[in-house]
């Protein structure tokens, strides 16, 4: 549980601190530039619908913990972290923290989304042992969070 709280806190607080002073090189495809930041299988938002945009802010915040964000159509920010799935992590216990969870499949893997405390959280467990966590304000739409979650594809 401590790992989850720490990662979610880092995702929310990390945006302001790790916001880049310059965008990634234009000649490097987005997925490739993201995958070069960490040695774990990394995922990136691909084919986001109109009104959504990746913020060109991918950064490592700890060894093999990747941070990035997406802005939605209402200017809401979705803070995203990726890390290896912690050894013997209790996903069943974690999933019980969600109020009225929505379980779904995405291109990246098995996902759950819903209200956890004051925030909306999305959690994707990939088949490449990467855990993608999406965090946004509880006032945002679950549908919008799921739209972001469904956009993730493996970076090459």
Protein backbone atom coordinates (compact mmCIF):
# COMPACT_ATOMS: atom_id res chain seq x y z
CA UNK A 1 0.00 0.00 0.00
CA UNK A 2 2.85 2.37 0.78
CA UNK A 3 4.25 1.88 -2.74
CA UNK A 4 0.89 2.79 -4.26
CA UNK A 5 0.52 5.93 -2.18
CA UNK A 6 4.11 6.95 -2.91
CA UNK A 7 3.73 6.44 -6.67
CA UNK A 8 0.39 8.28 -6.80
CA UNK A 9 1.83 11.15 -4.76
CA UNK A 10 4.87 11.35 -7.00
CA UNK A 11 2.66 11.42 -10.08
CA UNK A 12 0.60 14.32 -8.79
CA UNK A 13 3.46 16.35 -7.37
CA UNK A 14 5.94 15.43 -10.07
CA UNK A 15 4.21 17.28 -12.85
CA UNK A 16 5.22 20.76 -11.72
CA UNK A 17 8.72 19.73 -10.70
CA UNK A 18 9.59 17.61 -13.73
CA UNK A 19 7.92 19.68 -16.41
CA UNK A 20 10.49 19.86 -19.23
CA UNK A 21 12.20 23.03 -20.30
CA UNK A 22 12.30 21.74 -23.86
CA UNK A 23 10.34 19.12 -25.83
CA UNK A 24 11.88 15.84 -27.00
CA UNK A 25 13.77 15.88 -30.30
CA UNK A 26 11.35 16.16 -33.20
CA UNK A 27 13.24 13.54 -35.24
CA UNK A 28 12.68 10.76 -32.67
CA UNK A 29 9.28 9.04 -32.74
CA UNK A 30 7.38 9.53 -29.48
CA UNK A 31 7.35 5.85 -28.51
CA UNK A 32 11.08 5.49 -29.13
CA UNK A 33 11.97 8.59 -27.09
CA UNK A 34 9.85 7.36 -24.17
CA UNK A 35 11.23 3.82 -24.29
CA UNK A 36 14.80 5.17 -24.05
CA UNK A 37 14.11 6.74 -20.64
CA UNK A 38 13.73 3.45 -18.73
CA UNK A 39 14.80 -0.16 -19.07
CA UNK A 40 11.30 -1.53 -18.33
CA UNK A 41 8.78 -1.97 -21.17
CA UNK A 42 7.32 1.54 -21.53
CA UNK A 43 3.97 2.56 -22.95
CA UNK A 44 2.87 5.82 -24.53
CA UNK A 45 -0.44 7.47 -25.42
CA UNK A 46 -1.16 6.72 -29.09
CA UNK A 47 -4.03 7.95 -31.26
CA UNK A 48 -5.64 10.09 -28.57
CA UNK A 49 -9.05 11.41 -29.69
CA UNK A 50 -9.59 15.04 -30.61
CA UNK A 51 -9.32 17.27 -27.54
CA UNK A 52 -6.71 15.10 -25.80
CA UNK A 53 -2.98 15.73 -26.00
CA UNK A 54 0.23 14.23 -24.68
CA UNK A 55 2.16 16.99 -22.88
CA UNK A 56 5.68 16.05 -24.11
CA UNK A 57 6.84 15.77 -20.50
CA UNK A 58 8.09 12.18 -20.12
CA UNK A 59 10.70 11.96 -17.36
CA UNK A 60 12.12 9.38 -15.00
CA UNK A 61 11.33 10.22 -11.38
CA UNK A 62 13.14 7.22 -9.88
CA UNK A 63 15.09 4.39 -11.42
CA UNK A 64 12.67 2.76 -13.85
CA UNK A 65 9.70 4.87 -12.78
CA UNK A 66 8.46 6.87 -15.74
CA UNK A 67 6.22 9.92 -15.46
CA UNK A 68 4.21 11.63 -18.20
CA UNK A 69 0.88 13.41 -18.52
CA UNK A 70 -2.05 13.90 -20.86
CA UNK A 71 -4.43 16.86 -21.01
CA UNK A 72 -8.10 16.16 -21.69
CA UNK A 73 -10.72 18.18 -23.55
CA UNK A 74 -11.71 20.16 -20.44
CA UNK A 75 -8.06 21.11 -19.72
CA UNK A 76 -7.94 18.45 -16.99
CA UNK A 77 -4.61 16.75 -16.45
CA UNK A 78 -4.11 13.01 -16.19
CA UNK A 79 -0.85 12.21 -14.37
CA UNK A 80 0.66 8.89 -15.40
CA UNK A 81 3.42 6.78 -13.88
CA UNK A 82 4.81 3.50 -15.09
CA UNK A 83 6.93 1.05 -13.15
CA UNK A 84 7.61 -2.67 -12.86
CA UNK A 85 4.88 -4.55 -11.04
CA UNK A 86 6.19 -4.84 -7.45
CA UNK A 87 7.05 -8.41 -6.43
CA UNK A 88 4.12 -10.12 -4.69
CA UNK A 89 1.96 -6.97 -4.90
CA UNK A 90 -1.63 -7.63 -3.76
CA UNK A 91 -3.72 -6.42 -6.71
CA UNK A 92 -6.87 -7.99 -5.22
CA UNK A 93 -6.46 -5.86 -2.09
CA UNK A 94 -5.58 -2.82 -4.18
CA UNK A 95 -8.66 -3.27 -6.38
CA UNK A 96 -10.88 -3.31 -3.26
CA UNK A 97 -9.93 0.33 -2.64
CA UNK A 98 -11.93 1.44 -5.71
CA UNK A 99 -15.50 2.67 -5.24
CA UNK A 100 -17.70 1.25 -8.01
CA UNK A 101 -14.75 0.08 -10.12
CA UNK A 102 -14.95 -0.42 -13.86
CA UNK A 103 -12.86 -3.34 -15.14
CA UNK A 104 -11.98 -3.31 -18.84
CA UNK A 105 -9.38 -4.40 -21.34
CA UNK A 106 -7.08 -2.04 -23.19
CA UNK A 107 -4.38 -2.61 -25.81
CA UNK A 108 -1.83 -2.33 -22.97
CA UNK A 109 -3.46 -4.90 -20.68
CA UNK A 110 -6.03 -5.53 -17.98
CA UNK A 111 -7.38 -2.31 -16.45
CA UNK A 112 -9.47 -1.05 -13.56
CA UNK A 113 -10.64 2.51 -13.01
CA UNK A 114 -12.71 4.33 -10.45
CA UNK A 115 -12.81 6.63 -7.46
CA UNK A 116 -10.16 6.09 -4.77
CA UNK A 117 -10.42 8.70 -2.06
CA UNK A 118 -10.64 12.15 -3.64
CA UNK A 119 -9.09 11.06 -6.95
CA UNK A 120 -9.96 9.05 -10.01
CA UNK A 121 -7.41 6.29 -10.50
CA UNK A 122 -6.74 4.02 -13.44
CA UNK A 123 -4.52 0.97 -13.08
CA UNK A 124 -3.31 -1.10 -16.01
CA UNK A 125 -1.42 -4.33 -15.46
CA UNK A 126 0.37 -5.12 -18.72
CA UNK A 127 1.47 -8.53 -19.95
CA UNK A 128 5.05 -7.12 -20.04
CA UNK A 129 5.15 -6.67 -16.22
CA UNK A 130 4.69 -2.90 -16.37
CA UNK A 131 2.14 -1.23 -14.11
CA UNK A 132 0.59 1.95 -15.51
CA UNK A 133 -1.14 4.19 -12.97
CA UNK A 134 -3.28 7.14 -14.06
CA UNK A 135 -4.29 9.74 -11.49
CA UNK A 136 -6.63 12.71 -11.90
CA UNK A 137 -8.87 14.91 -9.82
CA UNK A 138 -12.06 13.25 -8.64
CA UNK A 139 -14.08 15.94 -10.40
CA UNK A 140 -12.99 14.62 -13.80
CA UNK A 141 -14.96 12.09 -15.79
CA UNK A 142 -14.30 8.35 -15.47
CA UNK A 143 -15.03 8.06 -19.19
CA UNK A 144 -12.24 10.55 -19.96
CA UNK A 145 -9.79 8.68 -17.71
CA UNK A 146 -10.69 5.43 -19.48
CA UNK A 147 -10.15 7.12 -22.86
CA UNK A 148 -6.59 7.94 -21.78
CA UNK A 149 -6.09 4.41 -20.41
CA UNK A 150 -7.24 2.82 -23.67
CA UNK A 151 -4.72 4.90 -25.67
CA UNK A 152 -1.56 3.26 -24.26
CA UNK A 153 0.54 1.12 -26.58
CA UNK A 154 3.94 -0.48 -26.12
CA UNK A 155 6.78 1.86 -27.10
CA UNK A 156 9.39 0.43 -29.46
